[in-house]
C-alpha cells in the first residue's frame, strides 16, 4: 500500500504545515489590502496552534517513570483504511503502523520506564510477529523493562514468538502451549484425471517452477520438496536464536520447527 508524502508526516508536522499555509495566506491578504481576511487567517493559524498544544501536546506529556500499556488482539491491519466508512468502523483499533510508532517512540523517550504488552490471540502472520518481536527487543536494548502477558487460553507459535522479544513473559499456568511444527503439502491429481480419461499437458520453465506438478505428477518432485524444507530451516534457525522454550515447558525448541512435507 502506497502512502502519500503528506500522510507520512507526523501530527506535529501536519499542524505546523497548516499553520504556515494560513500565515502565508494572511500575509498575502495584508499585502493585497484585505486586512479583514488577513486578520482572520492569522487568528485561525494561531488558534490551531494553541488548540493543538492545549488539546494534544500538553495532555500527552508523560510523567517520569511512565508505563506504556498496549493490547495486541484480533486482526492487525498494516495501516489505517482510506475509506471514511472503514475509518469509522475501525476507530480505536491499532494498526501495525501505529504500534511501530508507539514502540519506537517509547524506546527513545527517557520518561517511559516500563512497557506492558498484553497478547490475546492476535491473527497475525509470522512476518508481523517477527517485526513486533524486533521492536520489543529494541526496547529491551534501550534499558526498558518490557513485560509480555500471554492472556489467551491457547498460546500459538506466533504469540510466543512475539512475546519472546520482551524481557519478561507472563503466562497463565493453565494456558495450552500450542508449539506446533510446520506442515507443507499439496494435491496431486494425475491419477484422478487419468480415471476420467484426462491427461494434462503443461509447460514448465526451470526445475523449481512446480505449480503445474499437481496435474502431471503423483507426488512432489525433489526440487519442489526442497522449497518448504529450506523455508522451514530458515524459520527454525530464527526460532532457536530468538525464542527459547518457556522454563518448565515440555516443548522442545528444536522440535517446534521440525517440518513435515508430503
C-alpha atoms as a PDB file:
ATOM      1  CA  UNK A   1       0.000   0.000   0.000  1.00  0.00           C
ATOM      2  CA  UNK A   2       1.465   3.349  -1.031  1.00  0.00           C
ATOM      3  CA  UNK A   3       1.457   6.237   1.394  1.00  0.00           C
ATOM      4  CA  UNK A   4       1.455   9.850   0.233  1.00  0.00           C
ATOM      5  CA  UNK A   5       4.209  12.147   1.478  1.00  0.00           C
ATOM      6  CA  UNK A   6       1.651  14.177   3.459  1.00  0.00           C
ATOM      7  CA  UNK A   7       0.175  11.084   5.083  1.00  0.00           C
ATOM      8  CA  UNK A   8       3.635  10.030   6.179  1.00  0.00           C
ATOM      9  CA  UNK A   9       4.184  13.246   8.167  1.00  0.00           C
ATOM     10  CA  UNK A  10       3.753  13.343  11.923  1.00  0.00           C
ATOM     11  CA  UNK A  11       0.816  15.171  13.515  1.00  0.00           C
ATOM     12  CA  UNK A  12       3.110  17.992  14.578  1.00  0.00           C
ATOM     13  CA  UNK A  13       4.428  18.427  11.037  1.00  0.00           C
ATOM     14  CA  UNK A  14       0.901  18.437   9.567  1.00  0.00           C
ATOM     15  CA  UNK A  15      -0.346  21.034  12.069  1.00  0.00           C
ATOM     16  CA  UNK A  16       2.758  23.165  11.518  1.00  0.00           C
ATOM     17  CA  UNK A  17       2.274  22.970   7.731  1.00  0.00           C
ATOM     18  CA  UNK A  18      -1.372  24.029   8.033  1.00  0.00           C
ATOM     19  CA  UNK A  19      -0.496  26.925  10.341  1.00  0.00           C
ATOM     20  CA  UNK A  20       2.293  28.027   7.972  1.00  0.00           C
ATOM     21  CA  UNK A  21      -0.067  27.969   4.978  1.00  0.00           C
ATOM     22  CA  UNK A  22      -2.676  30.027   6.839  1.00  0.00           C
ATOM     23  CA  UNK A  23       0.005  32.503   7.989  1.00  0.00           C
ATOM     24  CA  UNK A  24       1.334  32.877   4.454  1.00  0.00           C
ATOM     25  CA  UNK A  25      -2.200  33.365   3.126  1.00  0.00           C
ATOM     26  CA  UNK A  26      -2.818  36.010   5.812  1.00  0.00           C
ATOM     27  CA  UNK A  27       0.373  37.846   4.846  1.00  0.00           C
ATOM     28  CA  UNK A  28      -0.692  37.819   1.184  1.00  0.00           C
ATOM     29  CA  UNK A  29      -4.090  39.220   2.134  1.00  0.00           C
ATOM     30  CA  UNK A  30      -2.448  42.040   4.122  1.00  0.00           C
ATOM     31  CA  UNK A  31      -0.182  42.827   1.193  1.00  0.00           C
ATOM     32  CA  UNK A  32      -3.212  42.973  -1.103  1.00  0.00           C
ATOM     33  CA  UNK A  33      -5.043  45.312   1.281  1.00  0.00           C
ATOM     34  CA  UNK A  34      -7.562  42.704   2.502  1.00  0.00           C
ATOM     35  CA  UNK A  35      -6.979  43.377   6.168  1.00  0.00           C
ATOM     36  CA  UNK A  36     -10.083  41.636   7.493  1.00  0.00           C
ATOM     37  CA  UNK A  37      -9.330  38.410   5.651  1.00  0.00           C
ATOM     38  CA  UNK A  38      -5.672  38.645   6.677  1.00  0.00           C
ATOM     39  CA  UNK A  39      -6.533  39.079  10.357  1.00  0.00           C
ATOM     40  CA  UNK A  40      -8.997  36.165  10.185  1.00  0.00           C
ATOM     41  CA  UNK A  41      -6.401  33.865   8.627  1.00  0.00           C
ATOM     42  CA  UNK A  42      -3.711  34.823  11.153  1.00  0.00           C
ATOM     43  CA  UNK A  43      -6.130  34.317  14.034  1.00  0.00           C
ATOM     44  CA  UNK A  44      -7.089  30.928  12.599  1.00  0.00           C
ATOM     45  CA  UNK A  45      -3.413  29.908  12.383  1.00  0.00           C
ATOM     46  CA  UNK A  46      -2.828  30.987  15.987  1.00  0.00           C
ATOM     47  CA  UNK A  47      -5.984  29.264  17.200  1.00  0.00           C
ATOM     48  CA  UNK A  48      -4.980  25.972  15.542  1.00  0.00           C
ATOM     49  CA  UNK A  49      -1.510  26.110  17.114  1.00  0.00           C
ATOM     50  CA  UNK A  50      -2.892  26.918  20.585  1.00  0.00           C
ATOM     51  CA  UNK A  51      -5.628  24.270  20.357  1.00  0.00           C
ATOM     52  CA  UNK A  52      -3.107  21.636  19.267  1.00  0.00           C
ATOM     53  CA  UNK A  53      -0.818  22.481  22.170  1.00  0.00           C
ATOM     54  CA  UNK A  54      -3.593  22.520  24.781  1.00  0.00           C
ATOM     55  CA  UNK A  55      -5.500  19.535  23.401  1.00  0.00           C
ATOM     56  CA  UNK A  56      -2.694  17.246  22.216  1.00  0.00           C
ATOM     57  CA  UNK A  57       0.832  18.249  23.225  1.00  0.00           C
ATOM     58  CA  UNK A  58       0.219  19.262  26.823  1.00  0.00           C
ATOM     59  CA  UNK A  59      -2.008  16.274  27.797  1.00  0.00           C
ATOM     60  CA  UNK A  60       0.436  13.917  26.066  1.00  0.00           C
ATOM     61  CA  UNK A  61       3.354  14.987  28.250  1.00  0.00           C
ATOM     62  CA  UNK A  62       4.439  11.902  30.128  1.00  0.00           C
ATOM     63  CA  UNK A  63       5.378  11.868  33.812  1.00  0.00           C
ATOM     64  CA  UNK A  64       8.637  10.344  34.932  1.00  0.00           C
ATOM     65  CA  UNK A  65       8.788   6.537  35.207  1.00  0.00           C
ATOM     66  CA  UNK A  66       5.736   6.214  32.950  1.00  0.00           C
ATOM     67  CA  UNK A  67       4.302   2.813  31.991  1.00  0.00           C
ATOM     68  CA  UNK A  68       3.126   2.191  28.426  1.00  0.00           C
ATOM     69  CA  UNK A  69       0.393  -0.451  28.187  1.00  0.00           C
ATOM     70  CA  UNK A  70      -0.551  -1.996  24.847  1.00  0.00           C
ATOM     71  CA  UNK A  71      -3.025  -4.702  23.875  1.00  0.00           C
ATOM     72  CA  UNK A  72      -2.496  -6.734  20.723  1.00  0.00           C
ATOM     73  CA  UNK A  73      -5.531  -8.829  19.856  1.00  0.00           C
ATOM     74  CA  UNK A  74      -7.560  -9.850  16.837  1.00  0.00           C
ATOM     75  CA  UNK A  75      -6.810  -8.706  13.316  1.00  0.00           C
ATOM     76  CA  UNK A  76      -3.990  -6.212  12.899  1.00  0.00           C
ATOM     77  CA  UNK A  77      -4.006  -4.065   9.785  1.00  0.00           C
ATOM     78  CA  UNK A  78      -0.785  -2.809   8.247  1.00  0.00           C
ATOM     79  CA  UNK A  79      -2.145   0.732   8.001  1.00  0.00           C
ATOM     80  CA  UNK A  80      -5.311   2.726   8.638  1.00  0.00           C
ATOM     81  CA  UNK A  81      -8.022   2.309   5.956  1.00  0.00           C
ATOM     82  CA  UNK A  82      -8.536   5.115   3.451  1.00  0.00           C
ATOM     83  CA  UNK A  83     -12.312   4.790   3.218  1.00  0.00           C
ATOM     84  CA  UNK A  84     -14.122   7.169   5.644  1.00  0.00           C
ATOM     85  CA  UNK A  85     -16.672   4.447   6.450  1.00  0.00           C
ATOM     86  CA  UNK A  86     -13.918   1.925   7.223  1.00  0.00           C
ATOM     87  CA  UNK A  87     -12.143   4.527   9.338  1.00  0.00           C
ATOM     88  CA  UNK A  88     -15.274   4.984  11.453  1.00  0.00           C
ATOM     89  CA  UNK A  89     -15.750   1.218  11.801  1.00  0.00           C
ATOM     90  CA  UNK A  90     -12.128   0.619  12.814  1.00  0.00           C
ATOM     91  CA  UNK A  91     -11.819   3.699  15.028  1.00  0.00           C
ATOM     92  CA  UNK A  92      -9.802   2.933  18.144  1.00  0.00           C
ATOM     93  CA  UNK A  93      -8.233  -0.223  16.687  1.00  0.00           C
ATOM     94  CA  UNK A  94      -4.432  -0.015  16.469  1.00  0.00           C
ATOM     95  CA  UNK A  95      -2.595  -0.776  13.266  1.00  0.00           C
ATOM     96  CA  UNK A  96       0.887  -2.165  12.788  1.00  0.00           C
ATOM     97  CA  UNK A  97       1.988   1.336  11.723  1.00  0.00           C
ATOM     98  CA  UNK A  98       0.689   2.847  14.974  1.00  0.00           C
ATOM     99  CA  UNK A  99       2.243   0.095  17.104  1.00  0.00           C
ATOM    100  CA  UNK A 100       5.564   0.613  15.350  1.00  0.00           C
ATOM    101  CA  UNK A 101       5.411   4.356  16.015  1.00  0.00           C
ATOM    102  CA  UNK A 102       4.453   3.867  19.678  1.00  0.00           C
ATOM    103  CA  UNK A 103       7.166   1.301  20.416  1.00  0.00           C
ATOM    104  CA  UNK A 104       9.886   3.233  18.616  1.00  0.00           C
ATOM    105  CA  UNK A 105       8.877   6.418  20.459  1.00  0.00           C
ATOM    106  CA  UNK A 106       8.871   4.583  23.785  1.00  0.00           C
ATOM    107  CA  UNK A 107      12.396   3.292  23.139  1.00  0.00           C
ATOM    108  CA  UNK A 108      13.637   6.851  22.593  1.00  0.00           C
ATOM    109  CA  UNK A 109      11.639   8.525  25.406  1.00  0.00           C
ATOM    110  CA  UNK A 110      13.526   8.603  28.743  1.00  0.00           C
ATOM    111  CA  UNK A 111      10.235   9.144  30.607  1.00  0.00           C
ATOM    112  CA  UNK A 112       8.997   5.654  29.673  1.00  0.00           C
ATOM    113  CA  UNK A 113      10.494   3.075  32.026  1.00  0.00           C
ATOM    114  CA  UNK A 114       8.196   0.075  31.535  1.00  0.00           C
ATOM    115  CA  UNK A 115       6.223  -1.342  28.626  1.00  0.00           C
ATOM    116  CA  UNK A 116       3.499  -3.936  29.246  1.00  0.00           C
ATOM    117  CA  UNK A 117       2.137  -5.728  26.175  1.00  0.00           C
ATOM    118  CA  UNK A 118      -0.940  -7.929  26.511  1.00  0.00           C
ATOM    119  CA  UNK A 119      -1.071 -10.537  23.755  1.00  0.00           C
ATOM    120  CA  UNK A 120      -4.510 -12.048  23.237  1.00  0.00           C
ATOM    121  CA  UNK A 121      -4.550 -14.404  20.244  1.00  0.00           C
ATOM    122  CA  UNK A 122      -3.769 -11.844  17.513  1.00  0.00           C
ATOM    123  CA  UNK A 123      -4.475 -13.067  13.991  1.00  0.00           C
ATOM    124  CA  UNK A 124      -1.121 -12.120  12.517  1.00  0.00           C
ATOM    125  CA  UNK A 125       1.426 -13.839  10.327  1.00  0.00           C
ATOM    126  CA  UNK A 126       4.919 -14.910  11.252  1.00  0.00           C
ATOM    127  CA  UNK A 127       6.412 -11.882   9.482  1.00  0.00           C
ATOM    128  CA  UNK A 128       4.352  -9.467  11.596  1.00  0.00           C
ATOM    129  CA  UNK A 129       5.170 -11.421  14.762  1.00  0.00           C
ATOM    130  CA  UNK A 130       8.863 -11.240  13.854  1.00  0.00           C
ATOM    131  CA  UNK A 131       8.684  -7.477  13.311  1.00  0.00           C
ATOM    132  CA  UNK A 132       6.940  -6.897  16.642  1.00  0.00           C
ATOM    133  CA  UNK A 133       9.460  -9.223  18.290  1.00  0.00           C
ATOM    134  CA  UNK A 134      12.245  -6.992  16.964  1.00  0.00           C
ATOM    135  CA  UNK A 135      10.529  -3.845  18.258  1.00  0.00           C
ATOM    136  CA  UNK A 136      10.253  -5.350  21.755  1.00  0.00           C
ATOM    137  CA  UNK A 137      13.904  -6.402  21.579  1.00  0.00           C
ATOM    138  CA  UNK A 138      14.833  -2.812  20.739  1.00  0.00           C
ATOM    139  CA  UNK A 139      13.017  -1.652  23.894  1.00  0.00           C
ATOM    140  CA  UNK A 140      14.968  -4.151  25.987  1.00  0.00           C
ATOM    141  CA  UNK A 141      18.190  -2.921  24.380  1.00  0.00           C
ATOM    142  CA  UNK A 142      17.171   0.623  25.368  1.00  0.00           C
ATOM    143  CA  UNK A 143      17.135  -0.487  29.047  1.00  0.00           C
ATOM    144  CA  UNK A 144      13.345  -0.537  29.330  1.00  0.00           C
ATOM    145  CA  UNK A 145      11.521  -3.117  31.386  1.00  0.00           C
ATOM    146  CA  UNK A 146       9.353  -4.980  28.875  1.00  0.00           C
ATOM    147  CA  UNK A 147       6.702  -7.412  30.105  1.00  0.00           C
ATOM    148  CA  UNK A 148       4.663  -9.551  27.708  1.00  0.00           C
ATOM    149  CA  UNK A 149       1.431 -11.001  29.107  1.00  0.00           C
ATOM    150  CA  UNK A 150       0.060 -14.014  27.208  1.00  0.00           C
ATOM    151  CA  UNK A 151      -3.566 -13.839  28.301  1.00  0.00           C
ATOM    152  CA  UNK A 152      -5.165 -16.285  25.866  1.00  0.00           C
ATOM    153  CA  UNK A 153      -6.225 -19.840  26.687  1.00  0.00           C
ATOM    154  CA  UNK A 154      -4.110 -21.153  23.815  1.00  0.00           C
ATOM    155  CA  UNK A 155      -0.642 -19.801  23.033  1.00  0.00           C
ATOM    156  CA  UNK A 156       0.495 -20.333  19.464  1.00  0.00           C
ATOM    157  CA  UNK A 157       3.955 -20.163  17.935  1.00  0.00           C
ATOM    158  CA  UNK A 158       3.205 -16.640  16.699  1.00  0.00           C
ATOM    159  CA  UNK A 159       2.069 -15.494  20.149  1.00  0.00           C
ATOM    160  CA  UNK A 160       5.172 -16.852  21.827  1.00  0.00           C
ATOM    161  CA  UNK A 161       7.485 -15.528  19.096  1.00  0.00           C
ATOM    162  CA  UNK A 162       6.065 -12.058  19.693  1.00  0.00           C
ATOM    163  CA  UNK A 163       6.267 -12.365  23.490  1.00  0.00           C
ATOM    164  CA  UNK A 164       9.837 -13.703  23.425  1.00  0.00           C
ATOM    165  CA  UNK A 165      11.032 -10.257  22.368  1.00  0.00           C
ATOM    166  CA  UNK A 166      10.217  -8.973  25.864  1.00  0.00           C
ATOM    167  CA  UNK A 167      12.487  -9.221  28.867  1.00  0.00           C
ATOM    168  CA  UNK A 168       9.779 -10.954  30.916  1.00  0.00           C
ATOM    169  CA  UNK A 169       6.947 -13.239  29.791  1.00  0.00           C
ATOM    170  CA  UNK A 170       3.897 -13.849  31.985  1.00  0.00           C
ATOM    171  CA  UNK A 171       1.519 -16.675  31.081  1.00  0.00           C
ATOM    172  CA  UNK A 172      -1.333 -18.421  32.851  1.00  0.00           C
ATOM    173  CA  UNK A 173      -0.170 -21.873  34.021  1.00  0.00           C
ATOM    174  CA  UNK A 174      -3.417 -23.332  32.636  1.00  0.00           C
ATOM    175  CA  UNK A 175      -2.801 -21.983  29.128  1.00  0.00           C
ATOM    176  CA  UNK A 176      -2.101 -24.542  26.434  1.00  0.00           C
ATOM    177  CA  UNK A 177       1.214 -24.017  24.654  1.00  0.00           C
ATOM    178  CA  UNK A 178       0.432 -24.948  21.057  1.00  0.00           C
ATOM    179  CA  UNK A 179       4.030 -25.257  19.915  1.00  0.00           C
ATOM    180  CA  UNK A 180       3.233 -26.970  16.642  1.00  0.00           C
ATOM    181  CA  UNK A 181       5.621 -27.517  13.780  1.00  0.00           C
ATOM    182  CA  UNK A 182       5.264 -26.668  10.105  1.00  0.00           C
ATOM    183  CA  UNK A 183       3.439 -28.866   7.615  1.00  0.00           C
ATOM    184  CA  UNK A 184       3.516 -28.372   3.870  1.00  0.00           C
ATOM    185  CA  UNK A 185       1.877 -30.435   1.195  1.00  0.00           C
ATOM    186  CA  UNK A 186      -0.120 -30.365  -1.967  1.00  0.00           C
ATOM    187  CA  UNK A 187      -2.797 -32.061  -4.033  1.00  0.00           C
ATOM    188  CA  UNK A 188      -1.768 -34.273  -6.933  1.00  0.00           C
ATOM    189  CA  UNK A 189      -4.475 -35.088  -9.431  1.00  0.00           C
ATOM    190  CA  UNK A 190      -2.712 -37.117 -12.124  1.00  0.00           C
ATOM    191  CA  UNK A 191      -4.332 -40.436 -11.138  1.00  0.00           C
ATOM    192  CA  UNK A 192      -7.751 -38.856 -10.585  1.00  0.00           C
ATOM    193  CA  UNK A 193      -7.646 -37.229 -14.025  1.00  0.00           C
ATOM    194  CA  UNK A 194      -6.491 -40.481 -15.632  1.00  0.00           C
ATOM    195  CA  UNK A 195      -9.608 -42.265 -14.322  1.00  0.00           C
ATOM    196  CA  UNK A 196     -11.799 -39.942 -16.376  1.00  0.00           C
ATOM    197  CA  UNK A 197      -9.515 -40.066 -19.393  1.00  0.00           C
ATOM    198  CA  UNK A 198      -7.942 -36.641 -18.979  1.00  0.00           C
ATOM    199  CA  UNK A 199      -4.238 -36.042 -19.420  1.00  0.00           C
ATOM    200  CA  UNK A 200      -2.843 -32.596 -18.584  1.00  0.00           C
ATOM    201  CA  UNK A 201      -0.277 -31.021 -20.875  1.00  0.00           C
ATOM    202  CA  UNK A 202       1.779 -28.339 -19.155  1.00  0.00           C
ATOM    203  CA  UNK A 203       4.906 -26.297 -19.782  1.00  0.00           C
ATOM    204  CA  UNK A 204       7.467 -25.823 -17.015  1.00  0.00           C
ATOM    205  CA  UNK A 205      10.297 -23.305 -17.091  1.00  0.00           C
ATOM    206  CA  UNK A 206      13.156 -24.298 -14.759  1.00  0.00           C
ATOM    207  CA  UNK A 207      13.054 -27.064 -12.199  1.00  0.00           C
ATOM    208  CA  UNK A 208      11.696 -25.065  -9.239  1.00  0.00           C
ATOM    209  CA  UNK A 209       8.606 -23.799 -11.075  1.00  0.00           C
ATOM    210  CA  UNK A 210       6.349 -26.606  -9.903  1.00  0.00           C
ATOM    211  CA  UNK A 211       2.899 -25.012  -9.980  1.00  0.00           C
ATOM    212  CA  UNK A 212       1.718 -27.483 -12.623  1.00  0.00           C
ATOM    213  CA  UNK A 213       3.018 -30.594 -10.850  1.00  0.00           C
ATOM    214  CA  UNK A 214      -0.381 -31.221  -9.262  1.00  0.00           C
ATOM    215  CA  UNK A 215      -1.712 -32.128 -12.727  1.00  0.00           C
ATOM    216  CA  UNK A 216       1.121 -34.279 -14.095  1.00  0.00           C
ATOM    217  CA  UNK A 217       2.733 -35.952 -11.071  1.00  0.00           C
ATOM    218  CA  UNK A 218       1.666 -38.323  -8.294  1.00  0.00           C
ATOM    219  CA  UNK A 219       3.958 -36.766  -5.664  1.00  0.00           C
ATOM    220  CA  UNK A 220       6.300 -33.816  -5.144  1.00  0.00           C
ATOM    221  CA  UNK A 221       9.429 -33.604  -7.224  1.00  0.00           C
ATOM    222  CA  UNK A 222      12.695 -33.335  -5.251  1.00  0.00           C
ATOM    223  CA  UNK A 223      13.020 -29.697  -6.293  1.00  0.00           C
ATOM    224  CA  UNK A 224       9.516 -28.762  -5.138  1.00  0.00           C
ATOM    225  CA  UNK A 225      10.050 -30.625  -1.861  1.00  0.00           C
ATOM    226  CA  UNK A 226      13.246 -28.648  -1.283  1.00  0.00           C
ATOM    227  CA  UNK A 227      11.430 -25.283  -1.139  1.00  0.00           C
ATOM    228  CA  UNK A 228       9.346 -25.865   2.042  1.00  0.00           C
ATOM    229  CA  UNK A 229      12.282 -27.632   3.669  1.00  0.00           C
ATOM    230  CA  UNK A 230      14.509 -24.610   3.144  1.00  0.00           C
ATOM    231  CA  UNK A 231      11.779 -22.231   4.366  1.00  0.00           C
ATOM    232  CA  UNK A 232      11.314 -24.327   7.481  1.00  0.00           C
ATOM    233  CA  UNK A 233      15.060 -24.425   8.121  1.00  0.00           C
ATOM    234  CA  UNK A 234      15.201 -20.630   7.970  1.00  0.00           C
ATOM    235  CA  UNK A 235      12.316 -20.320  10.432  1.00  0.00           C
ATOM    236  CA  UNK A 236      13.865 -22.932  12.721  1.00  0.00           C
ATOM    237  CA  UNK A 237      17.178 -21.065  12.876  1.00  0.00           C
ATOM    238  CA  UNK A 238      15.389 -17.823  13.688  1.00  0.00           C
ATOM    239  CA  UNK A 239      13.262 -19.521  16.357  1.00  0.00           C
ATOM    240  CA  UNK A 240      16.233 -21.150  18.070  1.00  0.00           C
ATOM    241  CA  UNK A 241      18.075 -17.839  18.050  1.00  0.00           C
ATOM    242  CA  UNK A 242      15.296 -15.597  19.359  1.00  0.00           C
ATOM    243  CA  UNK A 243      12.714 -17.711  21.192  1.00  0.00           C
ATOM    244  CA  UNK A 244      13.969 -20.244  23.740  1.00  0.00           C
ATOM    245  CA  UNK A 245      11.300 -22.607  25.141  1.00  0.00           C
ATOM    246  CA  UNK A 246       9.478 -21.483  28.304  1.00  0.00           C
ATOM    247  CA  UNK A 247      11.014 -22.574  31.583  1.00  0.00           C
ATOM    248  CA  UNK A 248       9.411 -25.795  32.747  1.00  0.00           C
ATOM    249  CA  UNK A 249       7.718 -26.321  29.394  1.00  0.00           C
ATOM    250  CA  UNK A 250       7.577 -29.785  27.893  1.00  0.00           C
ATOM    251  CA  UNK A 251       8.064 -28.205  24.458  1.00  0.00           C
ATOM    252  CA  UNK A 252      11.446 -28.597  22.865  1.00  0.00           C
ATOM    253  CA  UNK A 253      12.605 -25.622  20.822  1.00  0.00           C
ATOM    254  CA  UNK A 254      14.355 -27.938  18.375  1.00  0.00           C
ATOM    255  CA  UNK A 255      11.135 -29.827  17.790  1.00  0.00           C
ATOM    256  CA  UNK A 256       8.926 -26.776  17.269  1.00  0.00           C
ATOM    257  CA  UNK A 257      10.279 -26.112  13.804  1.00  0.00           C
ATOM    258  CA  UNK A 258      10.526 -29.690  12.600  1.00  0.00           C
ATOM    259  CA  UNK A 259       8.955 -29.892   9.180  1.00  0.00           C
ATOM    260  CA  UNK A 260       6.673 -32.444   7.605  1.00  0.00           C
ATOM    261  CA  UNK A 261       6.422 -32.338   3.835  1.00  0.00           C
ATOM    262  CA  UNK A 262       4.046 -34.548   1.909  1.00  0.00           C
END
